[in-house]
Structure formats: structure tokens, C-alpha cells
Amino acid sequence: MDEWVYFAGLYDTKFEAYCAVMWVEADERIRRSARPTEVEIYRSRGGRYGVRFRRQENASSSSLARV
């Protein structure tokens, strides 16, 4: 499986991170490039939220968002 790619920035709330997840998924669909196969919201040691995803070329399955 591919390594995690961390989306720039940390967010104060889980909702803000979830909005970033939607942006990542929509952006990849618009470009029709490598789609994220797995998107995840994680919590940093400092208590803020971030977004990470795995990108795979020619992904046949739809992306999954874990919240």
C-alpha cells in the first residue's frame, strides 16, 4: 500500500478538517488524476486535527472518508 500523504495545515476543529477532506476528494475528481484511495482525519499530539490520504494511480474504487 502507498505511504500516507499529509495535507498541509492543522485545524482547530474536526469539522474544519472534514471540510478539507471534501476539498481533497473534489479536487482529485475534477483533475481526474490519481484519486485518493483512503482519506483520514487524524488528531495531532497537540490536539489539533489534520488530513492525510493515500494516493494510488488508476484507483478503481471510490475514496473512503473516515471521521
N, C-alpha and C. Protein backbone atom coordinates (compact mmCIF):
# COMPACT_ATOMS: atom_id res chain seq x y z
N MET A 1 0.85 -1.19 0.00
CA MET A 1 0.00 0.00 0.00
C MET A 1 0.89 1.23 0.00
N ASP A 2 0.43 2.30 -0.61
CA ASP A 2 1.19 3.54 -0.69
C ASP A 2 1.31 4.19 0.68
N GLU A 3 2.30 5.07 0.81
CA GLU A 3 2.50 5.77 2.07
C GLU A 3 1.50 6.90 2.21
N TRP A 4 1.31 7.36 3.44
CA TRP A 4 0.39 8.47 3.70
C TRP A 4 0.97 9.76 3.16
N VAL A 5 0.11 10.60 2.59
CA VAL A 5 0.44 11.96 2.19
C VAL A 5 -0.32 12.87 3.14
N TYR A 6 0.40 13.76 3.82
CA TYR A 6 -0.24 14.65 4.80
C TYR A 6 -0.60 15.96 4.13
N PHE A 7 -1.88 16.32 4.22
CA PHE A 7 -2.38 17.56 3.66
C PHE A 7 -1.89 18.70 4.53
N ALA A 8 -1.45 19.80 3.91
CA ALA A 8 -0.86 20.92 4.64
C ALA A 8 -1.86 21.53 5.62
N GLY A 9 -1.39 21.80 6.79
CA GLY A 9 -2.18 22.52 7.78
C GLY A 9 -2.84 21.64 8.82
N LEU A 10 -3.01 22.21 9.98
CA LEU A 10 -3.76 21.58 11.06
C LEU A 10 -4.93 22.49 11.39
N TYR A 11 -6.02 21.89 11.83
CA TYR A 11 -7.26 22.62 12.06
C TYR A 11 -7.68 22.50 13.52
N ASP A 12 -8.36 23.54 14.00
CA ASP A 12 -8.80 23.56 15.40
C ASP A 12 -9.94 22.61 15.67
N THR A 13 -10.80 22.41 14.67
CA THR A 13 -11.96 21.54 14.89
C THR A 13 -11.98 20.40 13.87
N LYS A 14 -12.67 19.35 14.25
CA LYS A 14 -12.82 18.20 13.36
C LYS A 14 -13.64 18.59 12.13
N PHE A 15 -14.59 19.50 12.29
CA PHE A 15 -15.40 19.96 11.18
C PHE A 15 -14.53 20.63 10.11
N GLU A 16 -13.59 21.48 10.52
CA GLU A 16 -12.70 22.14 9.56
C GLU A 16 -11.87 21.10 8.80
N ALA A 17 -11.39 20.09 9.51
CA ALA A 17 -10.62 19.02 8.87
C ALA A 17 -11.49 18.25 7.89
N TYR A 18 -12.74 18.01 8.26
CA TYR A 18 -13.66 17.30 7.38
C TYR A 18 -13.90 18.10 6.10
N CYS A 19 -14.00 19.42 6.21
CA CYS A 19 -14.16 20.26 5.02
C CYS A 19 -12.94 20.12 4.12
N ALA A 20 -11.76 20.02 4.71
CA ALA A 20 -10.54 19.82 3.92
C ALA A 20 -10.58 18.47 3.21
N VAL A 21 -11.13 17.44 3.86
CA VAL A 21 -11.28 16.13 3.23
C VAL A 21 -12.15 16.26 1.99
N MET A 22 -13.25 16.95 2.10
CA MET A 22 -14.14 17.13 0.95
C MET A 22 -13.42 17.88 -0.17
N TRP A 23 -12.60 18.86 0.18
CA TRP A 23 -11.85 19.62 -0.82
C TRP A 23 -10.85 18.71 -1.54
N VAL A 24 -10.13 17.88 -0.79
CA VAL A 24 -9.15 16.96 -1.40
C VAL A 24 -9.85 16.02 -2.36
N GLU A 25 -10.96 15.43 -1.94
CA GLU A 25 -11.66 14.47 -2.80
C GLU A 25 -12.23 15.15 -4.04
N ALA A 26 -12.80 16.34 -3.89
CA ALA A 26 -13.37 17.05 -5.04
C ALA A 26 -12.28 17.49 -6.00
N ASP A 27 -11.17 17.94 -5.47
CA ASP A 27 -10.07 18.40 -6.31
C ASP A 27 -9.53 17.26 -7.17
N GLU A 28 -9.38 16.10 -6.58
CA GLU A 28 -8.86 14.96 -7.33
C GLU A 28 -9.86 14.49 -8.39
N ARG A 29 -11.16 14.57 -8.09
CA ARG A 29 -12.16 14.18 -9.08
C ARG A 29 -12.18 15.15 -10.26
N ILE A 30 -12.02 16.44 -9.98
CA ILE A 30 -12.04 17.46 -11.03
C ILE A 30 -10.85 17.27 -11.97
N ARG A 31 -9.70 17.02 -11.41
CA ARG A 31 -8.48 16.85 -12.22
C ARG A 31 -8.42 15.50 -12.91
N ARG A 32 -9.19 14.57 -12.41
CA ARG A 32 -9.18 13.19 -12.93
C ARG A 32 -7.78 12.59 -12.90
N SER A 33 -7.04 12.97 -11.89
CA SER A 33 -5.69 12.43 -11.72
C SER A 33 -5.75 11.27 -10.74
N ALA A 34 -4.66 11.01 -10.09
CA ALA A 34 -4.63 9.92 -9.12
C ALA A 34 -5.59 10.23 -7.98
N ARG A 35 -6.57 9.39 -7.80
CA ARG A 35 -7.56 9.61 -6.75
C ARG A 35 -7.07 9.06 -5.42
N PRO A 36 -7.40 9.76 -4.34
CA PRO A 36 -7.04 9.20 -3.04
C PRO A 36 -7.85 7.93 -2.79
N THR A 37 -7.20 6.87 -2.39
CA THR A 37 -7.91 5.62 -2.14
C THR A 37 -8.41 5.55 -0.71
N GLU A 38 -7.81 6.32 0.16
CA GLU A 38 -8.20 6.33 1.56
C GLU A 38 -7.90 7.71 2.12
N VAL A 39 -8.88 8.36 2.71
CA VAL A 39 -8.71 9.68 3.31
C VAL A 39 -9.07 9.57 4.78
N GLU A 40 -8.27 10.19 5.62
CA GLU A 40 -8.46 10.02 7.06
C GLU A 40 -8.20 11.33 7.79
N ILE A 41 -9.00 11.60 8.80
CA ILE A 41 -8.76 12.71 9.71
C ILE A 41 -8.02 12.14 10.91
N TYR A 42 -6.92 12.79 11.28
CA TYR A 42 -6.15 12.32 12.44
C TYR A 42 -6.02 13.46 13.44
N ARG A 43 -5.71 13.11 14.66
CA ARG A 43 -5.52 14.12 15.71
C ARG A 43 -4.05 14.17 16.07
N SER A 44 -3.49 15.36 16.06
CA SER A 44 -2.08 15.52 16.37
C SER A 44 -1.86 15.44 17.88
N ARG A 45 -0.62 15.33 18.27
CA ARG A 45 -0.30 15.28 19.70
C ARG A 45 -0.72 16.56 20.42
N GLY A 46 -0.74 17.66 19.68
CA GLY A 46 -1.14 18.94 20.25
C GLY A 46 -2.64 19.14 20.33
N GLY A 47 -3.41 18.15 19.85
CA GLY A 47 -4.87 18.22 19.95
C GLY A 47 -5.57 18.80 18.74
N ARG A 48 -4.82 19.21 17.72
CA ARG A 48 -5.44 19.75 16.51
C ARG A 48 -5.67 18.62 15.52
N TYR A 49 -6.47 18.89 14.49
CA TYR A 49 -6.85 17.87 13.51
C TYR A 49 -6.15 18.11 12.18
N GLY A 50 -5.82 17.02 11.52
CA GLY A 50 -5.19 17.09 10.21
C GLY A 50 -5.81 16.08 9.27
N VAL A 51 -5.42 16.16 8.01
CA VAL A 51 -5.94 15.28 6.97
C VAL A 51 -4.77 14.57 6.31
N ARG A 52 -4.92 13.28 6.13
CA ARG A 52 -3.92 12.52 5.39
C ARG A 52 -4.64 11.58 4.44
N PHE A 53 -3.95 11.22 3.38
CA PHE A 53 -4.57 10.34 2.40
C PHE A 53 -3.51 9.50 1.71
N ARG A 54 -3.98 8.43 1.11
CA ARG A 54 -3.13 7.58 0.29
C ARG A 54 -3.57 7.77 -1.14
N ARG A 55 -2.61 7.97 -2.00
CA ARG A 55 -2.90 8.21 -3.41
C ARG A 55 -2.38 7.03 -4.22
N GLN A 56 -3.20 6.55 -5.11
CA GLN A 56 -2.81 5.42 -5.93
C GLN A 56 -3.20 5.72 -7.37
N GLU A 57 -2.27 5.55 -8.28
CA GLU A 57 -2.57 5.79 -9.70
C GLU A 57 -3.60 4.77 -10.18
N ASN A 58 -4.52 5.23 -11.01
CA ASN A 58 -5.55 4.37 -11.61
C ASN A 58 -6.38 3.65 -10.56
N ALA A 59 -6.75 4.34 -9.52
CA ALA A 59 -7.56 3.74 -8.47
C ALA A 59 -8.95 3.43 -9.01
N SER A 60 -9.39 2.20 -8.89
CA SER A 60 -10.68 1.81 -9.43
C SER A 60 -11.81 1.97 -8.42
N SER A 61 -11.47 1.94 -7.13
CA SER A 61 -12.51 2.07 -6.11
C SER A 61 -12.67 3.51 -5.71
N SER A 62 -13.82 3.84 -5.19
CA SER A 62 -14.07 5.21 -4.74
C SER A 62 -13.32 5.44 -3.43
N SER A 63 -13.06 6.70 -3.15
CA SER A 63 -12.31 7.02 -1.94
C SER A 63 -13.19 6.87 -0.71
N LEU A 64 -12.57 6.61 0.40
CA LEU A 64 -13.27 6.40 1.66
C LEU A 64 -12.87 7.50 2.63
N ALA A 65 -13.82 8.08 3.29
CA ALA A 65 -13.52 9.09 4.30
C ALA A 65 -13.83 8.49 5.66
N ARG A 66 -12.85 8.52 6.52
CA ARG A 66 -13.04 8.06 7.90
C ARG A 66 -13.08 9.27 8.80
N VAL A 67 -14.10 9.37 9.59
CA VAL A 67 -14.23 10.51 10.50
C VAL A 67 -14.32 10.00 11.91
